[in-house]
Amino acid sequence: MLDDTLQLLEPQLRRSQIEIIRSYGDHLPQVHGNSVKLQQVFTNLILNARDSIANGNGRIVLATKNGEEEALTVEVSDNGVGIAPEDVAKIYDPFFTTKGIGRGTGLGLAVTYGIVQEHSGHISVSSTPGSGTTFRITLPTRDPRARLQAAAL
C-alpha cells in the first residue's frame, strides 16, 4: 500500500529533489482495514513531510516493522523543519495548521488521527525543530472484530 501511495503521489513528489527511502521489514503480517482510508493516512503524512522540507531538498523515510503484541508499525520520517514543541499538542486538532494561508486546511492530521482510531490503531509523533519529524502508526494485525468476539467469550 505504501508503494501504491508513492506511485499516486509521484507527480507531486517529482517536482522536488526529495529522496524517498523505503525500509520495509521482512515477513510483515497483514493489517485488516479499509485500504482507501489507510491510503489517505499515508498520503497525508507523506505530503506533510514533503511540505516540511524547506527548499524541497531532503529525504523522507518510510519504514515498516513488526510491532509488539500482534501489531504492524509504520513510520514516516523526514528531515524537514520539525514541529515546534508548543504546536505538537495541537497538530491533530481540526483546522490547526502551521502552513501559510492557502496552503493547508488543518484537516489532514485530524482526518489521519480519526482513521487510525477507526482501525483500533495508535499514532504518535516525535519532532525536533530544525531536524525533522517522525510519525509512528501502530495498527493491529488481527481483525479487531475477532478480538472483540474473543473478549466477549
N, C-alpha and C. Protein backbone atom coordinates (compact mmCIF):
# COMPACT_ATOMS: atom_id res chain seq x y z
N MET A 1 0.81 -1.19 0.00
CA MET A 1 0.00 0.00 0.00
C MET A 1 0.87 1.26 0.00
N LEU A 2 1.99 1.22 0.70
CA LEU A 2 2.87 2.39 0.71
C LEU A 2 3.43 2.67 -0.69
N ASP A 3 3.81 1.61 -1.39
CA ASP A 3 4.31 1.79 -2.76
C ASP A 3 3.21 2.34 -3.67
N ASP A 4 1.99 1.84 -3.50
CA ASP A 4 0.87 2.36 -4.29
C ASP A 4 0.65 3.84 -4.00
N THR A 5 0.75 4.23 -2.75
CA THR A 5 0.58 5.63 -2.37
C THR A 5 1.67 6.49 -3.00
N LEU A 6 2.91 6.00 -2.95
CA LEU A 6 4.01 6.75 -3.58
C LEU A 6 3.80 6.90 -5.08
N GLN A 7 3.28 5.86 -5.70
CA GLN A 7 3.03 5.93 -7.14
C GLN A 7 1.98 7.00 -7.44
N LEU A 8 0.94 7.07 -6.63
CA LEU A 8 -0.09 8.09 -6.81
C LEU A 8 0.47 9.50 -6.61
N LEU A 9 1.40 9.64 -5.68
CA LEU A 9 1.96 10.95 -5.35
C LEU A 9 3.17 11.32 -6.20
N GLU A 10 3.62 10.41 -7.03
CA GLU A 10 4.85 10.62 -7.80
C GLU A 10 4.86 11.95 -8.56
N PRO A 11 3.78 12.34 -9.24
CA PRO A 11 3.83 13.64 -9.94
C PRO A 11 4.08 14.82 -8.99
N GLN A 12 3.52 14.76 -7.79
CA GLN A 12 3.72 15.84 -6.82
C GLN A 12 5.10 15.80 -6.19
N LEU A 13 5.65 14.60 -6.03
CA LEU A 13 6.97 14.46 -5.43
C LEU A 13 8.09 14.74 -6.44
N ARG A 14 7.80 14.50 -7.71
CA ARG A 14 8.81 14.65 -8.76
C ARG A 14 9.32 16.08 -8.85
N ARG A 15 8.47 17.06 -8.53
CA ARG A 15 8.87 18.47 -8.64
C ARG A 15 9.92 18.87 -7.63
N SER A 16 10.14 18.06 -6.63
CA SER A 16 11.14 18.39 -5.61
C SER A 16 12.36 17.47 -5.79
N GLN A 17 13.37 17.74 -5.04
CA GLN A 17 14.56 16.89 -5.06
C GLN A 17 14.60 16.00 -3.82
N ILE A 18 13.42 15.60 -3.35
CA ILE A 18 13.32 14.80 -2.13
C ILE A 18 13.59 13.34 -2.45
N GLU A 19 14.48 12.76 -1.68
CA GLU A 19 14.81 11.33 -1.82
C GLU A 19 13.82 10.54 -0.96
N ILE A 20 13.22 9.52 -1.56
CA ILE A 20 12.31 8.64 -0.84
C ILE A 20 13.07 7.35 -0.52
N ILE A 21 13.16 7.03 0.75
CA ILE A 21 13.85 5.83 1.20
C ILE A 21 12.82 4.85 1.75
N ARG A 22 12.83 3.65 1.20
CA ARG A 22 11.92 2.59 1.67
C ARG A 22 12.72 1.63 2.55
N SER A 23 12.24 1.41 3.74
CA SER A 23 12.88 0.49 4.66
C SER A 23 11.80 -0.43 5.22
N TYR A 24 11.42 -1.39 4.40
CA TYR A 24 10.32 -2.28 4.75
C TYR A 24 10.87 -3.55 5.41
N GLY A 25 10.25 -3.94 6.50
CA GLY A 25 10.64 -5.16 7.18
C GLY A 25 10.24 -6.40 6.39
N ASP A 26 10.84 -7.50 6.75
CA ASP A 26 10.53 -8.78 6.12
C ASP A 26 9.41 -9.49 6.87
N HIS A 27 8.68 -10.32 6.15
CA HIS A 27 7.65 -11.18 6.75
C HIS A 27 6.66 -10.38 7.61
N LEU A 28 6.12 -9.34 7.01
CA LEU A 28 5.19 -8.50 7.75
C LEU A 28 3.78 -9.09 7.72
N PRO A 29 3.08 -9.00 8.82
CA PRO A 29 1.70 -9.51 8.86
C PRO A 29 0.77 -8.53 8.14
N GLN A 30 -0.39 -9.03 7.78
CA GLN A 30 -1.39 -8.18 7.14
C GLN A 30 -2.16 -7.40 8.20
N VAL A 31 -2.63 -6.24 7.77
CA VAL A 31 -3.49 -5.42 8.60
C VAL A 31 -4.89 -5.50 8.02
N HIS A 32 -5.88 -5.68 8.86
CA HIS A 32 -7.27 -5.70 8.41
C HIS A 32 -7.80 -4.28 8.50
N GLY A 33 -8.28 -3.76 7.38
CA GLY A 33 -8.81 -2.41 7.42
C GLY A 33 -9.27 -1.96 6.06
N ASN A 34 -9.66 -0.72 6.00
CA ASN A 34 -10.12 -0.09 4.78
C ASN A 34 -8.92 0.50 4.06
N SER A 35 -8.55 -0.11 2.93
CA SER A 35 -7.33 0.30 2.24
C SER A 35 -7.42 1.73 1.71
N VAL A 36 -8.59 2.18 1.32
CA VAL A 36 -8.74 3.55 0.82
C VAL A 36 -8.48 4.55 1.95
N LYS A 37 -9.02 4.26 3.12
CA LYS A 37 -8.82 5.16 4.26
C LYS A 37 -7.37 5.14 4.73
N LEU A 38 -6.78 3.96 4.78
CA LEU A 38 -5.38 3.88 5.21
C LEU A 38 -4.47 4.57 4.20
N GLN A 39 -4.81 4.48 2.92
CA GLN A 39 -4.01 5.18 1.91
C GLN A 39 -4.11 6.70 2.13
N GLN A 40 -5.26 7.18 2.58
CA GLN A 40 -5.42 8.61 2.89
C GLN A 40 -4.49 9.00 4.04
N VAL A 41 -4.35 8.13 5.03
CA VAL A 41 -3.43 8.38 6.14
C VAL A 41 -2.01 8.58 5.61
N PHE A 42 -1.55 7.65 4.78
CA PHE A 42 -0.18 7.72 4.30
C PHE A 42 0.01 8.88 3.32
N THR A 43 -1.02 9.19 2.54
CA THR A 43 -0.95 10.35 1.65
C THR A 43 -0.76 11.62 2.47
N ASN A 44 -1.57 11.80 3.51
CA ASN A 44 -1.45 12.99 4.36
C ASN A 44 -0.06 13.10 4.97
N LEU A 45 0.44 12.00 5.51
CA LEU A 45 1.74 12.05 6.19
C LEU A 45 2.88 12.31 5.20
N ILE A 46 2.83 11.70 4.02
CA ILE A 46 3.90 11.89 3.04
C ILE A 46 3.87 13.32 2.50
N LEU A 47 2.68 13.85 2.21
CA LEU A 47 2.61 15.22 1.70
C LEU A 47 3.01 16.24 2.78
N ASN A 48 2.66 15.98 4.04
CA ASN A 48 3.11 16.87 5.11
C ASN A 48 4.63 16.83 5.23
N ALA A 49 5.20 15.62 5.09
CA ALA A 49 6.66 15.50 5.15
C ALA A 49 7.29 16.30 4.01
N ARG A 50 6.73 16.14 2.83
CA ARG A 50 7.24 16.90 1.67
C ARG A 50 7.18 18.40 1.94
N ASP A 51 6.05 18.87 2.47
CA ASP A 51 5.87 20.30 2.71
C ASP A 51 6.80 20.83 3.79
N SER A 52 7.24 19.95 4.69
CA SER A 52 8.10 20.40 5.79
C SER A 52 9.56 20.57 5.38
N ILE A 53 9.89 20.04 4.22
CA ILE A 53 11.28 20.12 3.77
C ILE A 53 11.46 21.43 3.02
N ALA A 54 12.13 22.36 3.67
CA ALA A 54 12.34 23.71 3.11
C ALA A 54 13.04 23.58 1.77
N ASN A 55 13.12 24.26 0.89
CA ASN A 55 13.82 24.19 -0.42
C ASN A 55 13.62 22.87 -1.19
N GLY A 56 12.79 21.94 -0.69
CA GLY A 56 12.49 20.72 -1.44
C GLY A 56 13.67 19.81 -1.68
N ASN A 57 14.68 19.90 -0.83
CA ASN A 57 15.88 19.08 -1.00
C ASN A 57 16.15 18.36 0.32
N GLY A 58 15.65 17.15 0.44
CA GLY A 58 15.80 16.40 1.67
C GLY A 58 15.41 14.96 1.46
N ARG A 59 14.95 14.31 2.54
CA ARG A 59 14.58 12.90 2.41
C ARG A 59 13.38 12.57 3.28
N ILE A 60 12.63 11.60 2.78
CA ILE A 60 11.50 11.02 3.51
C ILE A 60 11.78 9.53 3.61
N VAL A 61 11.67 9.00 4.81
CA VAL A 61 11.90 7.57 5.03
C VAL A 61 10.58 6.93 5.41
N LEU A 62 10.22 5.87 4.69
CA LEU A 62 9.05 5.06 5.01
C LEU A 62 9.57 3.73 5.55
N ALA A 63 9.22 3.41 6.78
CA ALA A 63 9.72 2.18 7.40
C ALA A 63 8.55 1.38 7.95
N THR A 64 8.65 0.07 7.81
CA THR A 64 7.65 -0.83 8.37
C THR A 64 8.36 -1.91 9.18
N LYS A 65 7.71 -2.34 10.24
CA LYS A 65 8.28 -3.43 11.04
C LYS A 65 7.18 -4.07 11.86
N ASN A 66 7.45 -5.28 12.30
CA ASN A 66 6.53 -5.96 13.21
C ASN A 66 6.52 -5.20 14.52
N GLY A 67 5.33 -4.86 14.95
CA GLY A 67 5.20 -4.18 16.23
C GLY A 67 5.07 -5.20 17.33
N GLU A 68 4.86 -4.73 18.52
CA GLU A 68 4.66 -5.62 19.65
C GLU A 68 3.20 -6.05 19.71
N GLU A 69 2.95 -7.23 20.24
CA GLU A 69 1.61 -7.72 20.50
C GLU A 69 0.69 -7.64 19.28
N GLU A 70 1.03 -8.40 18.26
CA GLU A 70 0.20 -8.52 17.07
C GLU A 70 -0.12 -7.16 16.45
N ALA A 71 0.92 -6.42 16.12
CA ALA A 71 0.74 -5.10 15.52
C ALA A 71 1.81 -4.88 14.45
N LEU A 72 1.48 -4.00 13.52
CA LEU A 72 2.40 -3.56 12.48
C LEU A 72 2.67 -2.08 12.73
N THR A 73 3.93 -1.70 12.66
CA THR A 73 4.31 -0.31 12.86
C THR A 73 4.78 0.27 11.53
N VAL A 74 4.26 1.44 11.20
CA VAL A 74 4.67 2.17 10.00
C VAL A 74 5.17 3.54 10.47
N GLU A 75 6.37 3.89 10.01
CA GLU A 75 6.92 5.20 10.35
C GLU A 75 7.13 6.01 9.09
N VAL A 76 6.76 7.29 9.17
CA VAL A 76 7.02 8.25 8.10
C VAL A 76 7.88 9.33 8.72
N SER A 77 9.14 9.39 8.29
CA SER A 77 10.11 10.34 8.86
C SER A 77 10.60 11.29 7.78
N ASP A 78 10.93 12.49 8.21
CA ASP A 78 11.52 13.46 7.28
C ASP A 78 12.62 14.23 7.98
N ASN A 79 13.43 14.90 7.19
CA ASN A 79 14.47 15.76 7.77
C ASN A 79 14.13 17.23 7.51
N GLY A 80 12.84 17.53 7.67
CA GLY A 80 12.34 18.88 7.45
C GLY A 80 12.52 19.79 8.64
N VAL A 81 11.68 20.82 8.69
CA VAL A 81 11.82 21.87 9.69
C VAL A 81 11.41 21.45 11.09
N GLY A 82 10.66 20.35 11.19
CA GLY A 82 10.21 19.90 12.51
C GLY A 82 8.98 20.67 12.97
N ILE A 83 8.48 20.27 14.11
CA ILE A 83 7.28 20.89 14.70
C ILE A 83 7.69 21.53 16.02
N ALA A 84 7.30 22.78 16.20
CA ALA A 84 7.61 23.48 17.45
C ALA A 84 6.95 22.75 18.62
N PRO A 85 7.65 22.65 19.75
CA PRO A 85 7.10 21.93 20.91
C PRO A 85 5.71 22.42 21.31
N GLU A 86 5.47 23.72 21.24
CA GLU A 86 4.16 24.25 21.63
C GLU A 86 3.04 23.87 20.66
N ASP A 87 3.40 23.42 19.45
CA ASP A 87 2.40 23.03 18.46
C ASP A 87 2.08 21.53 18.47
N VAL A 88 2.97 20.73 19.03
CA VAL A 88 2.80 19.27 18.98
C VAL A 88 1.45 18.85 19.56
N ALA A 89 1.03 19.43 20.65
CA ALA A 89 -0.24 19.04 21.29
C ALA A 89 -1.45 19.43 20.46
N LYS A 90 -1.29 20.32 19.48
CA LYS A 90 -2.43 20.82 18.71
C LYS A 90 -2.52 20.24 17.30
N ILE A 91 -1.54 19.45 16.88
CA ILE A 91 -1.48 19.07 15.46
C ILE A 91 -2.65 18.22 14.99
N TYR A 92 -3.33 17.51 15.89
CA TYR A 92 -4.47 16.69 15.48
C TYR A 92 -5.79 17.44 15.59
N ASP A 93 -5.75 18.68 16.06
CA ASP A 93 -6.97 19.48 16.19
C ASP A 93 -7.45 19.91 14.80
N PRO A 94 -8.76 19.77 14.56
CA PRO A 94 -9.28 20.23 13.26
C PRO A 94 -8.99 21.72 13.05
N PHE A 95 -8.56 22.03 11.86
CA PHE A 95 -8.28 23.38 11.38
C PHE A 95 -7.00 23.99 11.93
N PHE A 96 -6.23 23.24 12.71
CA PHE A 96 -4.93 23.77 13.14
C PHE A 96 -3.92 23.51 12.03
N THR A 97 -3.22 24.55 11.62
CA THR A 97 -2.18 24.41 10.61
C THR A 97 -1.07 25.40 10.87
N THR A 98 0.13 25.01 10.51
CA THR A 98 1.26 25.94 10.58
C THR A 98 1.64 26.41 9.18
N LYS A 99 0.92 25.90 8.19
CA LYS A 99 1.19 26.29 6.81
C LYS A 99 0.60 27.68 6.56
N GLY A 100 1.14 28.36 5.59
CA GLY A 100 0.66 29.69 5.26
C GLY A 100 -0.76 29.67 4.72
N ILE A 101 -1.35 30.83 4.62
CA ILE A 101 -2.71 30.97 4.10
C ILE A 101 -2.79 30.40 2.69
N GLY A 102 -3.80 29.60 2.47
CA GLY A 102 -3.99 29.00 1.16
C GLY A 102 -3.16 27.74 0.92
N ARG A 103 -2.37 27.31 1.90
CA ARG A 103 -1.52 26.15 1.71
C ARG A 103 -1.98 24.92 2.49
N GLY A 104 -2.85 25.11 3.45
CA GLY A 104 -3.31 23.97 4.23
C GLY A 104 -4.62 24.27 4.92
N THR A 105 -5.45 23.23 5.08
CA THR A 105 -6.75 23.42 5.73
C THR A 105 -6.70 23.10 7.21
N GLY A 106 -5.67 22.39 7.64
CA GLY A 106 -5.63 21.95 9.02
C GLY A 106 -6.50 20.74 9.28
N LEU A 107 -6.86 20.02 8.22
CA LEU A 107 -7.71 18.84 8.39
C LEU A 107 -6.96 17.53 8.17
N GLY A 108 -5.82 17.56 7.52
CA GLY A 108 -5.10 16.34 7.18
C GLY A 108 -4.78 15.46 8.38
N LEU A 109 -4.19 16.03 9.40
CA LEU A 109 -3.83 15.23 10.57
C LEU A 109 -5.03 14.90 11.43
N ALA A 110 -6.05 15.75 11.43
CA ALA A 110 -7.28 15.43 12.16
C ALA A 110 -7.95 14.21 11.52
N VAL A 111 -8.01 14.19 10.20
CA VAL A 111 -8.58 13.04 9.48
C VAL A 111 -7.72 11.81 9.71
N THR A 112 -6.40 11.98 9.61
CA THR A 112 -5.46 10.88 9.82
C THR A 112 -5.67 10.26 11.20
N TYR A 113 -5.76 11.09 12.21
CA TYR A 113 -5.98 10.61 13.58
C TYR A 113 -7.27 9.80 13.68
N GLY A 114 -8.34 10.32 13.09
CA GLY A 114 -9.62 9.63 13.12
C GLY A 114 -9.58 8.27 12.44
N ILE A 115 -8.93 8.20 11.30
CA ILE A 115 -8.84 6.94 10.56
C ILE A 115 -8.03 5.92 11.35
N VAL A 116 -6.93 6.34 11.94
CA VAL A 116 -6.11 5.42 12.74
C VAL A 116 -6.94 4.90 13.92
N GLN A 117 -7.70 5.77 14.56
CA GLN A 117 -8.56 5.35 15.67
C GLN A 117 -9.63 4.36 15.20
N GLU A 118 -10.22 4.62 14.02
CA GLU A 118 -11.22 3.70 13.46
C GLU A 118 -10.66 2.29 13.28
N HIS A 119 -9.37 2.20 13.03
CA HIS A 119 -8.71 0.92 12.80
C HIS A 119 -8.11 0.34 14.09
N SER A 120 -8.54 0.85 15.23
CA SER A 120 -8.04 0.41 16.54
C SER A 120 -6.53 0.56 16.65
N GLY A 121 -6.00 1.58 15.97
CA GLY A 121 -4.57 1.81 15.97
C GLY A 121 -4.18 2.97 16.86
N HIS A 122 -2.91 3.32 16.76
CA HIS A 122 -2.35 4.41 17.57
C HIS A 122 -1.40 5.21 16.69
N ILE A 123 -1.39 6.52 16.85
CA ILE A 123 -0.45 7.38 16.13
C ILE A 123 0.27 8.26 17.14
N SER A 124 1.57 8.40 16.92
CA SER A 124 2.36 9.27 17.79
C SER A 124 3.35 10.04 16.92
N VAL A 125 3.90 11.07 17.48
CA VAL A 125 4.85 11.91 16.74
C VAL A 125 6.02 12.25 17.64
N SER A 126 7.20 12.30 17.03
CA SER A 126 8.37 12.85 17.71
C SER A 126 8.99 13.82 16.72
N SER A 127 9.37 14.98 17.22
CA SER A 127 9.87 16.00 16.32
C SER A 127 10.91 16.85 17.03
N THR A 128 11.92 17.24 16.26
CA THR A 128 12.95 18.14 16.74
C THR A 128 13.02 19.31 15.78
N PRO A 129 12.65 20.50 16.24
CA PRO A 129 12.71 21.65 15.35
C PRO A 129 14.10 21.78 14.69
N GLY A 130 14.08 21.94 13.38
CA GLY A 130 15.31 22.07 12.63
C GLY A 130 15.91 20.75 12.17
N SER A 131 15.40 19.62 12.69
CA SER A 131 15.97 18.32 12.34
C SER A 131 14.99 17.36 11.67
N GLY A 132 13.69 17.52 11.95
CA GLY A 132 12.73 16.64 11.30
C GLY A 132 11.70 16.06 12.25
N THR A 133 10.86 15.23 11.65
CA THR A 133 9.71 14.67 12.35
C THR A 133 9.52 13.21 11.97
N THR A 134 9.06 12.42 12.92
CA THR A 134 8.68 11.04 12.67
C THR A 134 7.28 10.80 13.21
N PHE A 135 6.39 10.35 12.32
CA PHE A 135 5.08 9.88 12.74
C PHE A 135 5.14 8.37 12.78
N ARG A 136 4.64 7.79 13.87
CA ARG A 136 4.64 6.34 14.05
C ARG A 136 3.19 5.88 14.21
N ILE A 137 2.81 5.00 13.32
CA ILE A 137 1.45 4.45 13.35
C ILE A 137 1.55 2.97 13.68
N THR A 138 0.79 2.53 14.65
CA THR A 138 0.73 1.12 15.02
C THR A 138 -0.69 0.64 14.74
N LEU A 139 -0.77 -0.42 13.94
CA LEU A 139 -2.07 -0.97 13.56
C LEU A 139 -2.13 -2.44 13.97
N PRO A 140 -3.27 -2.87 14.50
CA PRO A 140 -3.39 -4.28 14.88
C PRO A 140 -3.37 -5.17 13.64
N THR A 141 -2.79 -6.36 13.80
CA THR A 141 -2.71 -7.30 12.68
C THR A 141 -3.80 -8.36 12.76
N ARG A 142 -4.53 -8.38 13.83
CA ARG A 142 -5.70 -9.25 13.92
C ARG A 142 -6.93 -8.41 13.68
N ASP A 143 -7.91 -9.00 13.08
CA ASP A 143 -9.16 -8.30 12.82
C ASP A 143 -9.75 -7.83 14.16
N PRO A 144 -9.96 -6.52 14.33
CA PRO A 144 -10.48 -6.03 15.61
C PRO A 144 -11.80 -6.68 15.99
N ARG A 145 -12.64 -7.05 15.03
CA ARG A 145 -13.91 -7.71 15.35
C ARG A 145 -13.65 -9.07 15.99
N ALA A 146 -12.62 -9.77 15.49
CA ALA A 146 -12.28 -11.08 16.07
C ALA A 146 -11.79 -10.90 17.50
N ARG A 147 -11.04 -9.85 17.75
CA ARG A 147 -10.57 -9.59 19.12
C ARG A 147 -11.74 -9.31 20.05
N LEU A 148 -12.70 -8.51 19.56
CA LEU A 148 -13.86 -8.19 20.38
C LEU A 148 -14.69 -9.45 20.66
N GLN A 149 -14.83 -10.31 19.64
CA GLN A 149 -15.58 -11.55 19.83
C GLN A 149 -14.88 -12.45 20.84
N ALA A 150 -13.55 -12.54 20.76
CA ALA A 150 -12.79 -13.37 21.70
C ALA A 150 -12.92 -12.82 23.12
N ALA A 151 -12.92 -11.50 23.26
CA ALA A 151 -13.03 -10.89 24.58
C ALA A 151 -14.41 -11.11 25.19
N ALA A 152 -15.42 -11.27 24.34
CA ALA A 152 -16.79 -11.46 24.81
C ALA A 152 -17.03 -12.89 25.29
N LEU A 153 -16.16 -13.82 24.92
CA LEU A 153 -16.36 -15.22 25.32
C LEU A 153 -16.02 -15.47 26.76
